[in-house]
Amino acid sequence: MEFAVKVAISALVISFASWLAGRFPTMAGFVIAMPIASMIVMPFVQIEYQDPARTAALAKGILVAIPVSVMFLSPLLLIDRIGGFWPAYGVGCLLLVAGFFLQQWVVRLL
């Protein structure tokens, strides 16, 4: 039951943002840029584990990952030069994989 509630809340937020993008793309961009996923996950983790240290470690991982996640979006700004949406999306995904390893390295340093 708890898992189903988490899935339902997450699905509603994602669906709302997708719907909003059809009507107001820049507003949807703002909504998605907000730490919505973090705002959903942090209380779930705290309620489920009751471990402030775990929640703090999650926050540290998120904080380091935010600038790394920009690596995914940057090729999409060059969509015309890269050859369209799918090639830019693919390059963004590859950069995100590289960013994951960068994030893991930085978190270990902290």
N, C-alpha and C. Protein backbone atom coordinates (compact mmCIF):
# COMPACT_ATOMS: atom_id res chain seq x y z
N MET A 1 0.82 -1.20 0.00
CA MET A 1 0.00 0.00 0.00
C MET A 1 0.86 1.26 0.00
N GLU A 2 1.90 1.26 0.84
CA GLU A 2 2.77 2.43 0.93
C GLU A 2 3.46 2.70 -0.41
N PHE A 3 3.91 1.64 -1.08
CA PHE A 3 4.57 1.78 -2.38
C PHE A 3 3.58 2.36 -3.40
N ALA A 4 2.35 1.89 -3.38
CA ALA A 4 1.34 2.37 -4.32
C ALA A 4 1.05 3.86 -4.12
N VAL A 5 1.04 4.31 -2.88
CA VAL A 5 0.82 5.73 -2.60
C VAL A 5 1.99 6.56 -3.16
N LYS A 6 3.21 6.06 -2.97
CA LYS A 6 4.39 6.77 -3.51
C LYS A 6 4.33 6.86 -5.03
N VAL A 7 3.95 5.76 -5.67
CA VAL A 7 3.84 5.74 -7.13
C VAL A 7 2.76 6.71 -7.59
N ALA A 8 1.62 6.72 -6.92
CA ALA A 8 0.52 7.60 -7.30
C ALA A 8 0.91 9.07 -7.17
N ILE A 9 1.54 9.44 -6.08
CA ILE A 9 1.96 10.83 -5.89
C ILE A 9 2.97 11.24 -6.96
N SER A 10 3.95 10.39 -7.18
CA SER A 10 4.97 10.69 -8.19
C SER A 10 4.36 10.81 -9.58
N ALA A 11 3.48 9.89 -9.92
CA ALA A 11 2.84 9.90 -11.23
C ALA A 11 2.00 11.16 -11.43
N LEU A 12 1.31 11.58 -10.40
CA LEU A 12 0.51 12.80 -10.49
C LEU A 12 1.38 14.03 -10.75
N VAL A 13 2.49 14.13 -10.05
CA VAL A 13 3.38 15.28 -10.22
C VAL A 13 3.96 15.30 -11.64
N ILE A 14 4.43 14.16 -12.11
CA ILE A 14 5.01 14.07 -13.46
C ILE A 14 3.94 14.35 -14.52
N SER A 15 2.77 13.78 -14.35
CA SER A 15 1.68 14.00 -15.31
C SER A 15 1.27 15.46 -15.36
N PHE A 16 1.20 16.09 -14.20
CA PHE A 16 0.84 17.51 -14.15
C PHE A 16 1.88 18.34 -14.90
N ALA A 17 3.16 18.06 -14.67
CA ALA A 17 4.22 18.83 -15.34
C ALA A 17 4.16 18.62 -16.85
N SER A 18 3.89 17.40 -17.28
CA SER A 18 3.78 17.11 -18.71
C SER A 18 2.59 17.86 -19.32
N TRP A 19 1.47 17.85 -18.63
CA TRP A 19 0.29 18.58 -19.10
C TRP A 19 0.60 20.08 -19.17
N LEU A 20 1.23 20.59 -18.14
CA LEU A 20 1.56 22.02 -18.08
C LEU A 20 2.49 22.41 -19.22
N ALA A 21 3.41 21.52 -19.60
CA ALA A 21 4.34 21.82 -20.70
C ALA A 21 3.60 22.04 -22.02
N GLY A 22 2.47 21.39 -22.19
CA GLY A 22 1.68 21.58 -23.40
C GLY A 22 1.04 22.95 -23.47
N ARG A 23 0.73 23.51 -22.32
CA ARG A 23 0.05 24.80 -22.27
C ARG A 23 1.02 25.96 -22.02
N PHE A 24 1.92 25.79 -21.07
CA PHE A 24 2.84 26.85 -20.66
C PHE A 24 4.24 26.24 -20.49
N PRO A 25 4.99 26.06 -21.59
CA PRO A 25 6.28 25.38 -21.50
C PRO A 25 7.27 26.02 -20.54
N THR A 26 7.34 27.35 -20.51
CA THR A 26 8.32 27.97 -19.62
C THR A 26 7.91 27.80 -18.16
N MET A 27 6.62 27.83 -17.88
CA MET A 27 6.17 27.60 -16.50
C MET A 27 6.45 26.15 -16.10
N ALA A 28 6.22 25.23 -17.02
CA ALA A 28 6.52 23.82 -16.74
C ALA A 28 8.01 23.64 -16.48
N GLY A 29 8.84 24.36 -17.22
CA GLY A 29 10.28 24.31 -16.98
C GLY A 29 10.63 24.76 -15.58
N PHE A 30 9.96 25.81 -15.12
CA PHE A 30 10.20 26.29 -13.76
C PHE A 30 9.77 25.25 -12.74
N VAL A 31 8.60 24.65 -12.95
CA VAL A 31 8.09 23.65 -12.02
C VAL A 31 9.05 22.46 -11.96
N ILE A 32 9.51 22.00 -13.10
CA ILE A 32 10.41 20.84 -13.14
C ILE A 32 11.77 21.20 -12.56
N ALA A 33 12.21 22.44 -12.72
CA ALA A 33 13.51 22.85 -12.17
C ALA A 33 13.48 22.92 -10.65
N MET A 34 12.29 23.07 -10.09
CA MET A 34 12.19 23.06 -8.63
C MET A 34 12.56 21.66 -8.16
N PRO A 35 12.98 21.56 -6.95
CA PRO A 35 13.37 20.22 -6.46
C PRO A 35 12.17 19.37 -6.09
N ILE A 36 11.25 19.20 -7.05
CA ILE A 36 10.01 18.49 -6.76
C ILE A 36 10.28 17.05 -6.35
N ALA A 37 11.11 16.36 -7.10
CA ALA A 37 11.41 14.97 -6.75
C ALA A 37 12.02 14.90 -5.36
N SER A 38 12.93 15.82 -5.07
CA SER A 38 13.55 15.85 -3.74
C SER A 38 12.51 16.13 -2.66
N MET A 39 11.59 17.05 -2.97
CA MET A 39 10.56 17.39 -1.99
C MET A 39 9.62 16.23 -1.74
N ILE A 40 9.45 15.36 -2.72
CA ILE A 40 8.61 14.17 -2.55
C ILE A 40 9.38 13.08 -1.81
N VAL A 41 10.62 12.86 -2.20
CA VAL A 41 11.40 11.74 -1.67
C VAL A 41 11.87 11.97 -0.23
N MET A 42 12.30 13.17 0.09
CA MET A 42 12.86 13.42 1.43
C MET A 42 11.88 13.03 2.56
N PRO A 43 10.64 13.47 2.52
CA PRO A 43 9.72 13.03 3.59
C PRO A 43 9.48 11.52 3.58
N PHE A 44 9.39 10.92 2.36
CA PHE A 44 9.22 9.47 2.30
C PHE A 44 10.37 8.75 3.00
N VAL A 45 11.60 9.18 2.72
CA VAL A 45 12.77 8.54 3.33
C VAL A 45 12.77 8.74 4.84
N GLN A 46 12.47 9.95 5.28
CA GLN A 46 12.47 10.22 6.73
C GLN A 46 11.39 9.41 7.44
N ILE A 47 10.20 9.36 6.86
CA ILE A 47 9.10 8.60 7.48
C ILE A 47 9.43 7.11 7.51
N GLU A 48 9.97 6.60 6.40
CA GLU A 48 10.23 5.17 6.30
C GLU A 48 11.39 4.71 7.18
N TYR A 49 12.48 5.48 7.23
CA TYR A 49 13.68 5.02 7.93
C TYR A 49 13.92 5.69 9.27
N GLN A 50 13.30 6.84 9.51
CA GLN A 50 13.49 7.58 10.77
C GLN A 50 14.98 7.75 11.10
N ASP A 51 15.77 8.07 10.09
CA ASP A 51 17.23 8.17 10.25
C ASP A 51 17.71 9.49 9.66
N PRO A 52 17.90 10.52 10.50
CA PRO A 52 18.35 11.82 10.00
C PRO A 52 19.68 11.75 9.24
N ALA A 53 20.57 10.86 9.64
CA ALA A 53 21.86 10.73 8.95
C ALA A 53 21.64 10.24 7.51
N ARG A 54 20.72 9.31 7.32
CA ARG A 54 20.42 8.81 5.98
C ARG A 54 19.80 9.93 5.14
N THR A 55 18.91 10.70 5.75
CA THR A 55 18.28 11.81 5.04
C THR A 55 19.31 12.87 4.67
N ALA A 56 20.25 13.14 5.57
CA ALA A 56 21.32 14.11 5.29
C ALA A 56 22.22 13.61 4.16
N ALA A 57 22.52 12.32 4.16
CA ALA A 57 23.35 11.75 3.09
C ALA A 57 22.63 11.86 1.75
N LEU A 58 21.33 11.64 1.76
CA LEU A 58 20.53 11.80 0.55
C LEU A 58 20.60 13.25 0.07
N ALA A 59 20.45 14.19 0.99
CA ALA A 59 20.52 15.61 0.64
C ALA A 59 21.88 15.96 0.04
N LYS A 60 22.95 15.41 0.60
CA LYS A 60 24.29 15.68 0.07
C LYS A 60 24.40 15.15 -1.36
N GLY A 61 23.91 13.94 -1.59
CA GLY A 61 23.94 13.38 -2.94
C GLY A 61 23.15 14.21 -3.93
N ILE A 62 22.00 14.71 -3.50
CA ILE A 62 21.17 15.56 -4.36
C ILE A 62 21.88 16.87 -4.66
N LEU A 63 22.44 17.49 -3.62
CA LEU A 63 23.10 18.78 -3.78
C LEU A 63 24.26 18.69 -4.78
N VAL A 64 25.04 17.64 -4.69
CA VAL A 64 26.16 17.48 -5.62
C VAL A 64 25.64 17.15 -7.02
N ALA A 65 24.54 16.43 -7.12
CA ALA A 65 24.02 16.01 -8.43
C ALA A 65 23.35 17.13 -9.21
N ILE A 66 22.92 18.18 -8.55
CA ILE A 66 22.21 19.25 -9.25
C ILE A 66 23.06 19.86 -10.37
N PRO A 67 24.28 20.33 -10.09
CA PRO A 67 25.05 20.87 -11.21
C PRO A 67 25.42 19.81 -12.25
N VAL A 68 25.60 18.57 -11.80
CA VAL A 68 25.93 17.50 -12.74
C VAL A 68 24.76 17.24 -13.68
N SER A 69 23.53 17.40 -13.19
CA SER A 69 22.36 17.14 -14.03
C SER A 69 22.25 18.13 -15.18
N VAL A 70 22.89 19.27 -15.06
CA VAL A 70 22.88 20.25 -16.15
C VAL A 70 23.57 19.66 -17.39
N MET A 71 24.45 18.71 -17.16
CA MET A 71 25.12 18.06 -18.29
C MET A 71 24.11 17.40 -19.23
N PHE A 72 23.01 16.90 -18.68
CA PHE A 72 21.98 16.28 -19.50
C PHE A 72 21.27 17.32 -20.37
N LEU A 73 20.98 18.47 -19.81
CA LEU A 73 20.21 19.48 -20.51
C LEU A 73 21.01 20.25 -21.56
N SER A 74 22.31 20.38 -21.36
CA SER A 74 23.11 21.23 -22.24
C SER A 74 23.05 20.82 -23.72
N PRO A 75 23.10 19.54 -24.10
CA PRO A 75 22.99 19.23 -25.54
C PRO A 75 21.63 19.59 -26.14
N LEU A 76 20.59 19.61 -25.31
CA LEU A 76 19.27 19.96 -25.82
C LEU A 76 19.19 21.43 -26.21
N LEU A 77 20.08 22.25 -25.65
CA LEU A 77 20.13 23.65 -26.07
C LEU A 77 20.75 23.79 -27.45
N LEU A 78 21.48 22.78 -27.87
CA LEU A 78 22.15 22.78 -29.18
C LEU A 78 21.46 21.82 -30.14
N ILE A 79 20.18 21.67 -29.99
CA ILE A 79 19.41 20.67 -30.72
C ILE A 79 19.59 20.79 -32.24
N ASP A 80 19.65 22.01 -32.77
CA ASP A 80 19.80 22.20 -34.21
C ASP A 80 21.19 21.82 -34.69
N ARG A 81 22.19 22.09 -33.89
CA ARG A 81 23.57 21.77 -34.28
C ARG A 81 23.88 20.28 -34.16
N ILE A 82 23.20 19.60 -33.24
CA ILE A 82 23.48 18.19 -32.99
C ILE A 82 22.69 17.30 -33.95
N GLY A 83 21.64 17.81 -34.55
CA GLY A 83 20.91 17.03 -35.54
C GLY A 83 19.51 16.63 -35.13
N GLY A 84 18.90 17.33 -34.18
CA GLY A 84 17.53 17.04 -33.79
C GLY A 84 17.43 16.58 -32.35
N PHE A 85 16.19 16.30 -31.96
CA PHE A 85 15.91 15.95 -30.56
C PHE A 85 16.59 14.66 -30.13
N TRP A 86 16.40 13.58 -30.88
CA TRP A 86 16.89 12.28 -30.42
C TRP A 86 18.40 12.21 -30.30
N PRO A 87 19.16 12.73 -31.26
CA PRO A 87 20.62 12.74 -31.06
C PRO A 87 21.03 13.59 -29.85
N ALA A 88 20.39 14.75 -29.68
CA ALA A 88 20.71 15.61 -28.53
C ALA A 88 20.34 14.91 -27.23
N TYR A 89 19.21 14.23 -27.22
CA TYR A 89 18.77 13.49 -26.04
C TYR A 89 19.76 12.37 -25.72
N GLY A 90 20.21 11.67 -26.75
CA GLY A 90 21.19 10.60 -26.57
C GLY A 90 22.50 11.11 -26.00
N VAL A 91 22.99 12.22 -26.54
CA VAL A 91 24.22 12.82 -26.02
C VAL A 91 24.02 13.23 -24.56
N GLY A 92 22.86 13.80 -24.26
CA GLY A 92 22.56 14.19 -22.88
C GLY A 92 22.57 12.99 -21.95
N CYS A 93 22.01 11.87 -22.40
CA CYS A 93 22.01 10.66 -21.58
C CYS A 93 23.43 10.15 -21.34
N LEU A 94 24.26 10.18 -22.38
CA LEU A 94 25.66 9.77 -22.21
C LEU A 94 26.39 10.68 -21.23
N LEU A 95 26.16 11.98 -21.36
CA LEU A 95 26.78 12.92 -20.43
C LEU A 95 26.28 12.70 -19.00
N LEU A 96 25.02 12.31 -18.88
CA LEU A 96 24.46 12.06 -17.55
C LEU A 96 25.13 10.84 -16.91
N VAL A 97 25.42 9.83 -17.71
CA VAL A 97 26.14 8.66 -17.18
C VAL A 97 27.51 9.08 -16.67
N ALA A 98 28.21 9.89 -17.47
CA ALA A 98 29.52 10.40 -17.04
C ALA A 98 29.35 11.25 -15.78
N GLY A 99 28.29 12.04 -15.75
CA GLY A 99 28.02 12.88 -14.58
C GLY A 99 27.75 12.07 -13.33
N PHE A 100 27.15 10.91 -13.48
CA PHE A 100 26.90 10.04 -12.33
C PHE A 100 28.22 9.66 -11.67
N PHE A 101 29.19 9.26 -12.48
CA PHE A 101 30.48 8.88 -11.91
C PHE A 101 31.19 10.08 -11.29
N LEU A 102 31.04 11.24 -11.90
CA LEU A 102 31.60 12.46 -11.33
C LEU A 102 30.93 12.76 -9.98
N GLN A 103 29.62 12.63 -9.91
CA GLN A 103 28.90 12.87 -8.66
C GLN A 103 29.34 11.91 -7.58
N GLN A 104 29.52 10.64 -7.90
CA GLN A 104 29.96 9.65 -6.91
C GLN A 104 31.33 10.01 -6.38
N TRP A 105 32.20 10.46 -7.25
CA TRP A 105 33.58 10.83 -6.84
C TRP A 105 33.54 12.05 -5.91
N VAL A 106 32.75 13.06 -6.26
CA VAL A 106 32.67 14.27 -5.45
C VAL A 106 32.07 13.96 -4.07
N VAL A 107 31.02 13.14 -4.04
CA VAL A 107 30.38 12.80 -2.76
C VAL A 107 31.39 12.10 -1.85
N ARG A 108 32.23 11.23 -2.40
CA ARG A 108 33.24 10.54 -1.58
C ARG A 108 34.25 11.53 -1.02
N LEU A 109 34.52 12.60 -1.77
CA LEU A 109 35.48 13.62 -1.28
C LEU A 109 34.91 14.41 -0.11
N LEU A 110 33.59 14.59 -0.12
CA LEU A 110 32.94 15.36 0.95
C LEU A 110 32.77 14.48 2.13
